[in-house]
Amino acid sequence: MSRKSTTESDRARRILAQESARIIVDQGIQDFRVAKTKAAERLGMQERGSLPGNAEIEQAVTDHLRLFGRVSHIDLLRLMRRAALSAMEMLSAFTPRLVGPVLHGTAAANSSVNLHLFADNSEVVAMKLQENQVHYRSFERRLKSRRDQTDTFAAFGFTQSESRIEATVFPVDGVRQAPISPVDGKPMRRADRDVVITLLQE
């Protein structure tokens, strides 16, 4: 491939990553593949070789929020991380961990706060929410536990401090092995309460 072709391909990937990031932020789409497909269709880029990887898109989301969000984005992150901490304290019996965009700093206004909880069964989590008079909805979440294996987990959606919380329940021993991140294919980064407090102090 010539240097010109390589440069054009790199530019196409960059433009597509930026458009994908804009769609993710503006439309609240959390599935990078869906955002990538929408961006490719909008820009008329159908060549598979021009499609950026998920890590490139995540970086583009970070750049977009830094450029267009600035102070308002910092305030939003602080609000969502406080909501995460509040929910983690309420659900402290289940060793809660913060994951996803709110942890990474790529959350937008329509993002949810994602928590991982660990319990023998999901019913005890439901009982805890009921004890705290929290209105919730239950649903299922599919996550990759290994590259070639996808498992289904119980999850709960509720509102805490004006932020949407989505808490996925894993077996107790699941705290030792995080599911695979759809962004980079590595185990998801998880943060405990102390890490969230540190983030709020920054």
N, C-alpha and C. Protein backbone atom coordinates (compact mmCIF):
# COMPACT_ATOMS: atom_id res chain seq x y z
N MET A 1 0.84 -1.19 0.00
CA MET A 1 0.00 0.00 0.00
C MET A 1 0.87 1.24 0.00
N SER A 2 0.58 2.21 -0.83
CA SER A 2 1.37 3.42 -0.92
C SER A 2 1.16 4.29 0.31
N ARG A 3 2.10 5.24 0.49
CA ARG A 3 1.99 6.14 1.63
C ARG A 3 0.71 6.98 1.53
N LYS A 4 0.36 7.37 0.29
CA LYS A 4 -0.86 8.17 0.10
C LYS A 4 -2.09 7.38 0.50
N SER A 5 -2.14 6.10 0.09
CA SER A 5 -3.28 5.25 0.44
C SER A 5 -3.37 5.05 1.94
N THR A 6 -2.21 4.87 2.57
CA THR A 6 -2.18 4.69 4.02
C THR A 6 -2.69 5.95 4.72
N THR A 7 -2.24 7.12 4.26
CA THR A 7 -2.67 8.38 4.85
C THR A 7 -4.17 8.57 4.70
N GLU A 8 -4.69 8.27 3.52
CA GLU A 8 -6.13 8.40 3.27
C GLU A 8 -6.92 7.44 4.13
N SER A 9 -6.42 6.23 4.30
CA SER A 9 -7.08 5.24 5.14
C SER A 9 -7.10 5.69 6.60
N ASP A 10 -5.96 6.22 7.08
CA ASP A 10 -5.88 6.72 8.46
C ASP A 10 -6.84 7.89 8.66
N ARG A 11 -6.92 8.76 7.67
CA ARG A 11 -7.82 9.92 7.77
C ARG A 11 -9.27 9.46 7.82
N ALA A 12 -9.60 8.46 6.99
CA ALA A 12 -10.97 7.93 6.96
C ALA A 12 -11.33 7.31 8.31
N ARG A 13 -10.39 6.56 8.88
CA ARG A 13 -10.63 5.95 10.20
C ARG A 13 -10.84 7.03 11.26
N ARG A 14 -10.05 8.09 11.20
CA ARG A 14 -10.15 9.16 12.19
C ARG A 14 -11.50 9.87 12.08
N ILE A 15 -11.91 10.16 10.84
CA ILE A 15 -13.19 10.83 10.62
C ILE A 15 -14.34 9.95 11.10
N LEU A 16 -14.25 8.67 10.80
CA LEU A 16 -15.30 7.73 11.19
C LEU A 16 -15.35 7.58 12.72
N ALA A 17 -14.20 7.56 13.36
CA ALA A 17 -14.16 7.48 14.83
C ALA A 17 -14.79 8.72 15.44
N GLN A 18 -14.50 9.89 14.87
CA GLN A 18 -15.07 11.14 15.38
C GLN A 18 -16.58 11.18 15.22
N GLU A 19 -17.07 10.71 14.08
CA GLU A 19 -18.53 10.69 13.85
C GLU A 19 -19.19 9.66 14.77
N SER A 20 -18.55 8.52 14.97
CA SER A 20 -19.07 7.51 15.90
C SER A 20 -19.17 8.09 17.31
N ALA A 21 -18.13 8.82 17.71
CA ALA A 21 -18.11 9.44 19.03
C ALA A 21 -19.25 10.44 19.18
N ARG A 22 -19.49 11.23 18.14
CA ARG A 22 -20.57 12.22 18.19
C ARG A 22 -21.92 11.52 18.35
N ILE A 23 -22.12 10.42 17.64
CA ILE A 23 -23.37 9.66 17.74
C ILE A 23 -23.54 9.08 19.14
N ILE A 24 -22.45 8.55 19.69
CA ILE A 24 -22.50 7.97 21.04
C ILE A 24 -22.89 9.03 22.07
N VAL A 25 -22.28 10.21 21.97
CA VAL A 25 -22.54 11.27 22.93
C VAL A 25 -23.93 11.87 22.73
N ASP A 26 -24.29 12.16 21.49
CA ASP A 26 -25.56 12.84 21.22
C ASP A 26 -26.78 11.94 21.34
N GLN A 27 -26.63 10.67 20.93
CA GLN A 27 -27.79 9.78 20.90
C GLN A 27 -27.82 8.77 22.05
N GLY A 28 -26.77 8.75 22.84
CA GLY A 28 -26.75 7.84 23.99
C GLY A 28 -26.58 6.38 23.62
N ILE A 29 -26.04 6.11 22.44
CA ILE A 29 -25.80 4.73 22.02
C ILE A 29 -24.56 4.20 22.73
N GLN A 30 -24.69 3.08 23.42
CA GLN A 30 -23.56 2.54 24.16
C GLN A 30 -22.86 1.40 23.42
N ASP A 31 -23.50 0.88 22.40
CA ASP A 31 -22.90 -0.19 21.61
C ASP A 31 -22.02 0.44 20.53
N PHE A 32 -20.71 0.27 20.67
CA PHE A 32 -19.79 0.90 19.72
C PHE A 32 -20.01 0.40 18.30
N ARG A 33 -20.36 -0.87 18.16
CA ARG A 33 -20.57 -1.43 16.82
C ARG A 33 -21.74 -0.75 16.13
N VAL A 34 -22.82 -0.52 16.88
CA VAL A 34 -23.99 0.16 16.31
C VAL A 34 -23.63 1.59 15.91
N ALA A 35 -22.91 2.28 16.79
CA ALA A 35 -22.51 3.66 16.48
C ALA A 35 -21.59 3.70 15.27
N LYS A 36 -20.69 2.74 15.17
CA LYS A 36 -19.75 2.66 14.05
C LYS A 36 -20.50 2.44 12.73
N THR A 37 -21.48 1.54 12.76
CA THR A 37 -22.27 1.25 11.56
C THR A 37 -23.07 2.46 11.13
N LYS A 38 -23.69 3.15 12.10
CA LYS A 38 -24.45 4.36 11.79
C LYS A 38 -23.56 5.44 11.18
N ALA A 39 -22.38 5.60 11.77
CA ALA A 39 -21.44 6.61 11.27
C ALA A 39 -20.98 6.28 9.86
N ALA A 40 -20.69 5.00 9.61
CA ALA A 40 -20.25 4.58 8.28
C ALA A 40 -21.34 4.84 7.23
N GLU A 41 -22.59 4.54 7.60
CA GLU A 41 -23.70 4.78 6.68
C GLU A 41 -23.87 6.26 6.41
N ARG A 42 -23.78 7.07 7.46
CA ARG A 42 -23.96 8.51 7.33
C ARG A 42 -22.89 9.14 6.46
N LEU A 43 -21.67 8.62 6.57
CA LEU A 43 -20.55 9.19 5.83
C LEU A 43 -20.30 8.49 4.49
N GLY A 44 -21.08 7.43 4.24
CA GLY A 44 -20.90 6.70 2.99
C GLY A 44 -19.61 5.91 2.95
N MET A 45 -19.15 5.47 4.11
CA MET A 45 -17.91 4.68 4.20
C MET A 45 -18.28 3.23 4.47
N GLN A 46 -18.26 2.42 3.47
CA GLN A 46 -18.68 1.03 3.64
C GLN A 46 -17.51 0.06 3.68
N GLU A 47 -16.31 0.54 3.39
CA GLU A 47 -15.16 -0.35 3.34
C GLU A 47 -14.77 -0.79 4.75
N ARG A 48 -14.69 -2.09 4.92
CA ARG A 48 -14.38 -2.65 6.24
C ARG A 48 -13.01 -2.19 6.74
N GLY A 49 -12.09 -2.02 5.81
CA GLY A 49 -10.74 -1.64 6.21
C GLY A 49 -10.64 -0.25 6.79
N SER A 50 -11.66 0.58 6.54
CA SER A 50 -11.63 1.95 7.04
C SER A 50 -12.24 2.07 8.43
N LEU A 51 -12.85 1.01 8.93
CA LEU A 51 -13.54 1.10 10.21
C LEU A 51 -12.54 1.13 11.37
N PRO A 52 -12.68 2.10 12.26
CA PRO A 52 -11.78 2.18 13.42
C PRO A 52 -12.12 1.13 14.46
N GLY A 53 -11.16 0.81 15.30
CA GLY A 53 -11.40 -0.13 16.39
C GLY A 53 -12.12 0.55 17.54
N ASN A 54 -12.64 -0.25 18.46
CA ASN A 54 -13.38 0.31 19.59
C ASN A 54 -12.52 1.22 20.47
N ALA A 55 -11.25 0.87 20.62
CA ALA A 55 -10.36 1.70 21.43
C ALA A 55 -10.19 3.08 20.80
N GLU A 56 -10.14 3.13 19.46
CA GLU A 56 -10.03 4.41 18.76
C GLU A 56 -11.29 5.25 18.98
N ILE A 57 -12.44 4.58 18.98
CA ILE A 57 -13.70 5.29 19.18
C ILE A 57 -13.79 5.81 20.62
N GLU A 58 -13.37 4.99 21.58
CA GLU A 58 -13.40 5.45 22.97
C GLU A 58 -12.52 6.68 23.15
N GLN A 59 -11.35 6.69 22.50
CA GLN A 59 -10.48 7.86 22.58
C GLN A 59 -11.14 9.06 21.92
N ALA A 60 -11.85 8.84 20.81
CA ALA A 60 -12.56 9.92 20.14
C ALA A 60 -13.68 10.48 21.02
N VAL A 61 -14.36 9.60 21.77
CA VAL A 61 -15.39 10.06 22.71
C VAL A 61 -14.74 10.95 23.77
N THR A 62 -13.61 10.51 24.31
CA THR A 62 -12.90 11.31 25.30
C THR A 62 -12.53 12.68 24.74
N ASP A 63 -11.99 12.70 23.52
CA ASP A 63 -11.60 13.96 22.89
C ASP A 63 -12.81 14.86 22.64
N HIS A 64 -13.93 14.25 22.20
CA HIS A 64 -15.15 15.02 21.92
C HIS A 64 -15.67 15.68 23.20
N LEU A 65 -15.71 14.92 24.28
CA LEU A 65 -16.21 15.47 25.54
C LEU A 65 -15.29 16.54 26.09
N ARG A 66 -13.99 16.34 25.93
CA ARG A 66 -13.03 17.33 26.40
C ARG A 66 -13.15 18.63 25.60
N LEU A 67 -13.41 18.49 24.30
CA LEU A 67 -13.49 19.65 23.42
C LEU A 67 -14.80 20.41 23.59
N PHE A 68 -15.92 19.68 23.63
CA PHE A 68 -17.23 20.32 23.63
C PHE A 68 -17.87 20.38 25.02
N GLY A 69 -17.42 19.52 25.93
CA GLY A 69 -18.04 19.50 27.25
C GLY A 69 -17.37 20.42 28.24
N ARG A 70 -16.05 20.30 28.33
CA ARG A 70 -15.24 21.10 29.23
C ARG A 70 -15.80 21.11 30.65
N VAL A 71 -16.10 22.29 31.20
CA VAL A 71 -16.52 22.39 32.59
C VAL A 71 -17.81 21.62 32.84
N SER A 72 -18.75 21.70 31.90
CA SER A 72 -20.04 21.02 32.09
C SER A 72 -19.85 19.50 32.16
N HIS A 73 -18.89 18.98 31.41
CA HIS A 73 -18.64 17.54 31.45
C HIS A 73 -18.00 17.14 32.78
N ILE A 74 -17.12 17.95 33.29
CA ILE A 74 -16.50 17.68 34.59
C ILE A 74 -17.57 17.66 35.67
N ASP A 75 -18.50 18.62 35.61
CA ASP A 75 -19.59 18.67 36.59
C ASP A 75 -20.49 17.44 36.47
N LEU A 76 -20.75 17.04 35.23
CA LEU A 76 -21.60 15.87 35.00
C LEU A 76 -20.94 14.61 35.57
N LEU A 77 -19.66 14.43 35.31
CA LEU A 77 -18.94 13.27 35.84
C LEU A 77 -18.98 13.25 37.36
N ARG A 78 -18.77 14.42 37.97
CA ARG A 78 -18.80 14.49 39.43
C ARG A 78 -20.17 14.10 39.97
N LEU A 79 -21.23 14.59 39.31
CA LEU A 79 -22.59 14.25 39.72
C LEU A 79 -22.84 12.74 39.62
N MET A 80 -22.42 12.14 38.52
CA MET A 80 -22.65 10.71 38.31
C MET A 80 -21.80 9.86 39.24
N ARG A 81 -20.60 10.30 39.52
CA ARG A 81 -19.75 9.54 40.44
C ARG A 81 -20.26 9.64 41.87
N ARG A 82 -20.85 10.78 42.23
CA ARG A 82 -21.48 10.89 43.55
C ARG A 82 -22.67 9.94 43.64
N ALA A 83 -23.45 9.87 42.56
CA ALA A 83 -24.58 8.94 42.53
C ALA A 83 -24.09 7.51 42.65
N ALA A 84 -22.98 7.20 41.96
CA ALA A 84 -22.39 5.86 42.05
C ALA A 84 -21.98 5.55 43.47
N LEU A 85 -21.32 6.51 44.12
CA LEU A 85 -20.87 6.30 45.50
C LEU A 85 -22.06 6.08 46.43
N SER A 86 -23.12 6.86 46.25
CA SER A 86 -24.32 6.71 47.07
C SER A 86 -24.93 5.31 46.91
N ALA A 87 -25.02 4.86 45.66
CA ALA A 87 -25.57 3.52 45.40
C ALA A 87 -24.66 2.44 45.95
N MET A 88 -23.36 2.64 45.84
CA MET A 88 -22.40 1.66 46.34
C MET A 88 -22.49 1.54 47.86
N GLU A 89 -22.71 2.66 48.53
CA GLU A 89 -22.84 2.62 49.98
C GLU A 89 -24.12 1.91 50.40
N MET A 90 -25.20 2.15 49.66
CA MET A 90 -26.46 1.47 49.95
C MET A 90 -26.34 -0.04 49.74
N LEU A 91 -25.55 -0.43 48.73
CA LEU A 91 -25.41 -1.83 48.36
C LEU A 91 -24.07 -2.41 48.80
N SER A 92 -23.52 -1.85 49.87
CA SER A 92 -22.17 -2.22 50.31
C SER A 92 -22.04 -3.70 50.66
N ALA A 93 -23.14 -4.35 51.02
CA ALA A 93 -23.09 -5.77 51.37
C ALA A 93 -22.73 -6.65 50.19
N PHE A 94 -22.81 -6.09 48.98
CA PHE A 94 -22.58 -6.89 47.77
C PHE A 94 -21.28 -6.51 47.06
N THR A 95 -20.33 -5.96 47.81
CA THR A 95 -18.99 -5.64 47.29
C THR A 95 -19.06 -4.89 45.95
N PRO A 96 -19.78 -3.78 45.89
CA PRO A 96 -20.00 -3.10 44.61
C PRO A 96 -18.72 -2.57 43.96
N ARG A 97 -18.71 -2.60 42.64
CA ARG A 97 -17.62 -2.05 41.84
C ARG A 97 -18.20 -1.17 40.74
N LEU A 98 -17.58 -0.03 40.52
CA LEU A 98 -17.98 0.85 39.42
C LEU A 98 -17.23 0.44 38.17
N VAL A 99 -17.93 0.37 37.03
CA VAL A 99 -17.31 0.03 35.75
C VAL A 99 -17.85 0.99 34.68
N GLY A 100 -17.24 0.93 33.51
CA GLY A 100 -17.81 1.62 32.35
C GLY A 100 -17.47 3.09 32.23
N PRO A 101 -18.27 3.81 31.43
CA PRO A 101 -17.98 5.21 31.08
C PRO A 101 -17.83 6.16 32.26
N VAL A 102 -18.63 5.98 33.33
CA VAL A 102 -18.52 6.88 34.47
C VAL A 102 -17.16 6.72 35.15
N LEU A 103 -16.65 5.51 35.18
CA LEU A 103 -15.32 5.27 35.72
C LEU A 103 -14.25 5.81 34.79
N HIS A 104 -14.39 5.57 33.49
CA HIS A 104 -13.36 5.95 32.52
C HIS A 104 -13.36 7.44 32.19
N GLY A 105 -14.46 8.14 32.54
CA GLY A 105 -14.54 9.56 32.23
C GLY A 105 -15.12 9.85 30.87
N THR A 106 -15.75 8.85 30.24
CA THR A 106 -16.32 9.04 28.90
C THR A 106 -17.85 9.10 28.94
N ALA A 107 -18.44 9.23 30.13
CA ALA A 107 -19.90 9.27 30.25
C ALA A 107 -20.45 10.57 29.69
N ALA A 108 -21.60 10.47 29.04
CA ALA A 108 -22.33 11.63 28.55
C ALA A 108 -23.62 11.76 29.35
N ALA A 109 -24.41 12.80 29.05
CA ALA A 109 -25.61 13.09 29.84
C ALA A 109 -26.59 11.92 29.84
N ASN A 110 -26.61 11.14 28.75
CA ASN A 110 -27.58 10.04 28.67
C ASN A 110 -26.97 8.69 29.04
N SER A 111 -25.79 8.70 29.64
CA SER A 111 -25.14 7.46 30.07
C SER A 111 -25.73 6.99 31.40
N SER A 112 -25.62 5.70 31.64
CA SER A 112 -26.00 5.13 32.93
C SER A 112 -24.75 4.90 33.77
N VAL A 113 -24.95 4.88 35.08
CA VAL A 113 -23.88 4.49 36.00
C VAL A 113 -23.93 2.97 36.10
N ASN A 114 -22.84 2.29 35.74
CA ASN A 114 -22.82 0.83 35.74
C ASN A 114 -22.06 0.29 36.95
N LEU A 115 -22.75 -0.57 37.69
CA LEU A 115 -22.14 -1.21 38.85
C LEU A 115 -22.14 -2.72 38.68
N HIS A 116 -21.14 -3.37 39.26
CA HIS A 116 -21.12 -4.83 39.37
C HIS A 116 -21.30 -5.16 40.85
N LEU A 117 -22.24 -6.06 41.12
CA LEU A 117 -22.51 -6.53 42.48
C LEU A 117 -22.23 -8.02 42.55
N PHE A 118 -22.00 -8.54 43.77
CA PHE A 118 -21.65 -9.95 43.94
C PHE A 118 -22.49 -10.54 45.07
N ALA A 119 -23.31 -11.55 44.71
CA ALA A 119 -24.23 -12.14 45.68
C ALA A 119 -24.52 -13.59 45.30
N ASP A 120 -24.96 -14.37 46.28
CA ASP A 120 -25.30 -15.77 46.03
C ASP A 120 -26.47 -15.89 45.07
N ASN A 121 -27.40 -14.93 45.14
CA ASN A 121 -28.48 -14.88 44.16
C ASN A 121 -29.00 -13.46 44.08
N SER A 122 -29.64 -13.15 42.99
CA SER A 122 -30.06 -11.77 42.74
C SER A 122 -31.22 -11.33 43.63
N GLU A 123 -31.94 -12.29 44.22
CA GLU A 123 -33.10 -11.94 45.04
C GLU A 123 -32.70 -11.13 46.28
N VAL A 124 -31.52 -11.40 46.81
CA VAL A 124 -31.10 -10.64 48.00
C VAL A 124 -30.83 -9.18 47.64
N VAL A 125 -30.39 -8.94 46.42
CA VAL A 125 -30.20 -7.56 45.97
C VAL A 125 -31.56 -6.87 45.83
N ALA A 126 -32.52 -7.57 45.25
CA ALA A 126 -33.87 -7.03 45.12
C ALA A 126 -34.45 -6.69 46.49
N MET A 127 -34.23 -7.57 47.46
CA MET A 127 -34.73 -7.32 48.82
C MET A 127 -34.09 -6.08 49.43
N LYS A 128 -32.80 -5.89 49.17
CA LYS A 128 -32.10 -4.72 49.72
C LYS A 128 -32.67 -3.44 49.10
N LEU A 129 -32.94 -3.46 47.81
CA LEU A 129 -33.52 -2.29 47.16
C LEU A 129 -34.91 -2.00 47.74
N GLN A 130 -35.67 -3.04 47.95
CA GLN A 130 -37.00 -2.88 48.53
C GLN A 130 -36.92 -2.31 49.94
N GLU A 131 -35.97 -2.78 50.73
CA GLU A 131 -35.79 -2.28 52.10
C GLU A 131 -35.53 -0.77 52.10
N ASN A 132 -34.83 -0.32 51.06
CA ASN A 132 -34.50 1.10 50.95
C ASN A 132 -35.55 1.88 50.14
N GLN A 133 -36.68 1.22 49.87
CA GLN A 133 -37.80 1.84 49.15
C GLN A 133 -37.36 2.40 47.79
N VAL A 134 -36.51 1.63 47.13
CA VAL A 134 -36.02 2.01 45.80
C VAL A 134 -36.89 1.30 44.75
N HIS A 135 -37.47 2.07 43.86
CA HIS A 135 -38.23 1.49 42.76
C HIS A 135 -37.25 1.05 41.68
N TYR A 136 -37.35 -0.19 41.26
CA TYR A 136 -36.39 -0.72 40.31
C TYR A 136 -37.09 -1.54 39.23
N ARG A 137 -36.36 -1.78 38.17
CA ARG A 137 -36.81 -2.73 37.13
C ARG A 137 -35.73 -3.80 37.02
N SER A 138 -36.15 -5.01 36.81
CA SER A 138 -35.18 -6.09 36.65
C SER A 138 -35.06 -6.44 35.17
N PHE A 139 -33.88 -6.82 34.76
CA PHE A 139 -33.63 -7.21 33.38
C PHE A 139 -32.42 -8.14 33.34
N GLU A 140 -32.08 -8.60 32.18
CA GLU A 140 -30.92 -9.49 32.03
C GLU A 140 -29.85 -8.81 31.19
N ARG A 141 -28.62 -9.07 31.53
CA ARG A 141 -27.50 -8.51 30.77
C ARG A 141 -26.57 -9.63 30.34
N ARG A 142 -26.21 -9.61 29.07
CA ARG A 142 -25.30 -10.61 28.52
C ARG A 142 -23.90 -10.02 28.41
N LEU A 143 -22.94 -10.71 28.99
CA LEU A 143 -21.56 -10.26 28.99
C LEU A 143 -20.63 -11.42 28.66
N LYS A 144 -19.52 -11.11 28.04
CA LYS A 144 -18.52 -12.14 27.74
C LYS A 144 -17.68 -12.41 28.98
N SER A 145 -17.74 -13.65 29.45
CA SER A 145 -16.89 -14.03 30.57
C SER A 145 -15.51 -14.48 30.07
N ARG A 146 -15.50 -14.98 28.84
CA ARG A 146 -14.25 -15.31 28.13
C ARG A 146 -14.45 -14.90 26.68
N ARG A 147 -13.39 -14.92 25.92
CA ARG A 147 -13.49 -14.48 24.53
C ARG A 147 -14.50 -15.30 23.74
N ASP A 148 -14.64 -16.58 24.09
CA ASP A 148 -15.52 -17.46 23.33
C ASP A 148 -16.76 -17.88 24.13
N GLN A 149 -17.05 -17.16 25.23
CA GLN A 149 -18.19 -17.55 26.06
C GLN A 149 -18.95 -16.32 26.55
N THR A 150 -20.26 -16.31 26.33
CA THR A 150 -21.13 -15.23 26.78
C THR A 150 -22.11 -15.78 27.81
N ASP A 151 -22.24 -15.10 28.93
CA ASP A 151 -23.14 -15.53 30.00
C ASP A 151 -24.20 -14.46 30.25
N THR A 152 -25.32 -14.89 30.82
CA THR A 152 -26.42 -13.99 31.13
C THR A 152 -26.50 -13.77 32.64
N PHE A 153 -26.64 -12.51 33.04
CA PHE A 153 -26.68 -12.16 34.45
C PHE A 153 -27.92 -11.34 34.76
N ALA A 154 -28.42 -11.47 35.98
CA ALA A 154 -29.53 -10.64 36.43
C ALA A 154 -29.02 -9.22 36.66
N ALA A 155 -29.88 -8.24 36.40
CA ALA A 155 -29.48 -6.84 36.60
C ALA A 155 -30.68 -6.02 37.05
N PHE A 156 -30.38 -4.89 37.68
CA PHE A 156 -31.43 -4.01 38.19
C PHE A 156 -31.16 -2.58 37.75
N GLY A 157 -32.22 -1.92 37.31
CA GLY A 157 -32.11 -0.51 36.94
C GLY A 157 -32.93 0.33 37.90
N PHE A 158 -32.32 1.41 38.39
CA PHE A 158 -33.03 2.31 39.31
C PHE A 158 -32.38 3.69 39.25
N THR A 159 -33.00 4.63 39.92
CA THR A 159 -32.48 5.99 39.95
C THR A 159 -31.91 6.31 41.32
N GLN A 160 -30.73 6.89 41.32
CA GLN A 160 -30.09 7.30 42.58
C GLN A 160 -29.51 8.69 42.36
N SER A 161 -29.91 9.63 43.19
CA SER A 161 -29.40 11.01 43.09
C SER A 161 -29.52 11.55 41.66
N GLU A 162 -30.66 11.29 41.06
CA GLU A 162 -31.01 11.79 39.72
C GLU A 162 -30.19 11.16 38.60
N SER A 163 -29.46 10.12 38.88
CA SER A 163 -28.71 9.40 37.84
C SER A 163 -29.26 7.99 37.68
N ARG A 164 -29.25 7.49 36.44
CA ARG A 164 -29.69 6.13 36.18
C ARG A 164 -28.59 5.15 36.57
N ILE A 165 -28.95 4.18 37.39
CA ILE A 165 -28.01 3.15 37.82
C ILE A 165 -28.41 1.84 37.17
N GLU A 166 -27.43 1.10 36.66
CA GLU A 166 -27.65 -0.25 36.17
C GLU A 166 -26.67 -1.16 36.89
N ALA A 167 -27.22 -2.03 37.75
CA ALA A 167 -26.38 -2.89 38.58
C ALA A 167 -26.52 -4.35 38.13
N THR A 168 -25.42 -4.95 37.73
CA THR A 168 -25.40 -6.33 37.28
C THR A 168 -24.90 -7.22 38.41
N VAL A 169 -25.60 -8.34 38.63
CA VAL A 169 -25.27 -9.22 39.76
C VAL A 169 -24.49 -10.45 39.28
N PHE A 170 -23.30 -10.64 39.84
CA PHE A 170 -22.43 -11.77 39.54
C PHE A 170 -22.39 -12.72 40.74
N PRO A 171 -21.99 -13.96 40.52
CA PRO A 171 -21.75 -14.85 41.67
C PRO A 171 -20.68 -14.25 42.57
N VAL A 172 -20.67 -14.66 43.83
CA VAL A 172 -19.72 -14.09 44.80
C VAL A 172 -18.28 -14.22 44.31
N ASP A 173 -17.92 -15.39 43.75
CA ASP A 173 -16.54 -15.58 43.30
C ASP A 173 -16.25 -14.84 42.00
N GLY A 174 -17.26 -14.19 41.41
CA GLY A 174 -17.05 -13.42 40.18
C GLY A 174 -16.25 -12.15 40.39
N VAL A 175 -16.04 -11.80 41.66
CA VAL A 175 -15.25 -10.60 41.95
C VAL A 175 -13.80 -10.78 41.51
N ARG A 176 -13.37 -12.03 41.37
CA ARG A 176 -11.97 -12.30 41.02
C ARG A 176 -11.71 -12.21 39.52
N GLN A 177 -12.76 -12.33 38.70
CA GLN A 177 -12.57 -12.34 37.25
C GLN A 177 -13.61 -11.45 36.59
N ALA A 178 -13.17 -10.30 36.13
CA ALA A 178 -14.09 -9.36 35.47
C ALA A 178 -14.43 -9.86 34.07
N PRO A 179 -15.64 -9.55 33.58
CA PRO A 179 -15.99 -9.92 32.21
C PRO A 179 -15.14 -9.16 31.20
N ILE A 180 -15.21 -9.60 29.95
CA ILE A 180 -14.40 -9.00 28.89
C ILE A 180 -15.00 -7.68 28.45
N SER A 181 -14.17 -6.66 28.35
CA SER A 181 -14.63 -5.36 27.88
C SER A 181 -14.88 -5.40 26.37
N PRO A 182 -16.02 -4.87 25.91
CA PRO A 182 -16.27 -4.82 24.47
C PRO A 182 -15.39 -3.79 23.77
N VAL A 183 -14.72 -2.95 24.54
CA VAL A 183 -13.89 -1.89 23.95
C VAL A 183 -12.53 -2.42 23.52
N ASP A 184 -11.83 -3.08 24.46
CA ASP A 184 -10.46 -3.51 24.14
C ASP A 184 -10.23 -5.01 24.27
N GLY A 185 -11.29 -5.78 24.60
CA GLY A 185 -11.15 -7.23 24.71
C GLY A 185 -10.39 -7.70 25.94
N LYS A 186 -10.11 -6.80 26.86
CA LYS A 186 -9.42 -7.14 28.10
C LYS A 186 -10.44 -7.18 29.24
N PRO A 187 -10.09 -7.78 30.40
CA PRO A 187 -11.01 -7.76 31.53
C PRO A 187 -11.39 -6.32 31.89
N MET A 188 -12.67 -6.10 32.16
CA MET A 188 -13.14 -4.76 32.50
C MET A 188 -12.42 -4.22 33.74
N ARG A 189 -12.11 -2.95 33.70
CA ARG A 189 -11.55 -2.29 34.88
C ARG A 189 -12.69 -2.06 35.87
N ARG A 190 -12.47 -2.43 37.12
CA ARG A 190 -13.44 -2.24 38.18
C ARG A 190 -12.85 -1.36 39.28
N ALA A 191 -13.70 -0.52 39.87
CA ALA A 191 -13.23 0.37 40.93
C ALA A 191 -14.09 0.20 42.17
N ASP A 192 -13.44 0.07 43.33
CA ASP A 192 -14.20 -0.05 44.57
C ASP A 192 -14.51 1.35 45.12
N ARG A 193 -15.14 1.38 46.27
CA ARG A 193 -15.60 2.64 46.86
C ARG A 193 -14.44 3.62 47.07
N ASP A 194 -13.29 3.12 47.55
CA ASP A 194 -12.16 4.01 47.82
C ASP A 194 -11.66 4.69 46.55
N VAL A 195 -11.65 3.96 45.45
CA VAL A 195 -11.20 4.54 44.18
C VAL A 195 -12.17 5.63 43.73
N VAL A 196 -13.47 5.39 43.89
CA VAL A 196 -14.47 6.39 43.50
C VAL A 196 -14.32 7.65 44.35
N ILE A 197 -14.06 7.48 45.64
CA ILE A 197 -13.84 8.64 46.50
C ILE A 197 -12.63 9.43 46.03
N THR A 198 -11.57 8.73 45.65
CA THR A 198 -10.36 9.40 45.14
C THR A 198 -10.67 10.18 43.87
N LEU A 199 -11.46 9.57 42.97
CA LEU A 199 -11.84 10.26 41.73
C LEU A 199 -12.62 11.55 42.03
N LEU A 200 -13.47 11.50 43.05
CA LEU A 200 -14.27 12.68 43.41
C LEU A 200 -13.39 13.77 44.02
N GLN A 201 -12.27 13.38 44.59
CA GLN A 201 -11.39 14.38 45.22
C GLN A 201 -10.44 15.03 44.24
N GLU A 202 -10.33 14.44 43.04
CA GLU A 202 -9.40 14.98 42.05
C GLU A 202 -9.91 16.31 41.50
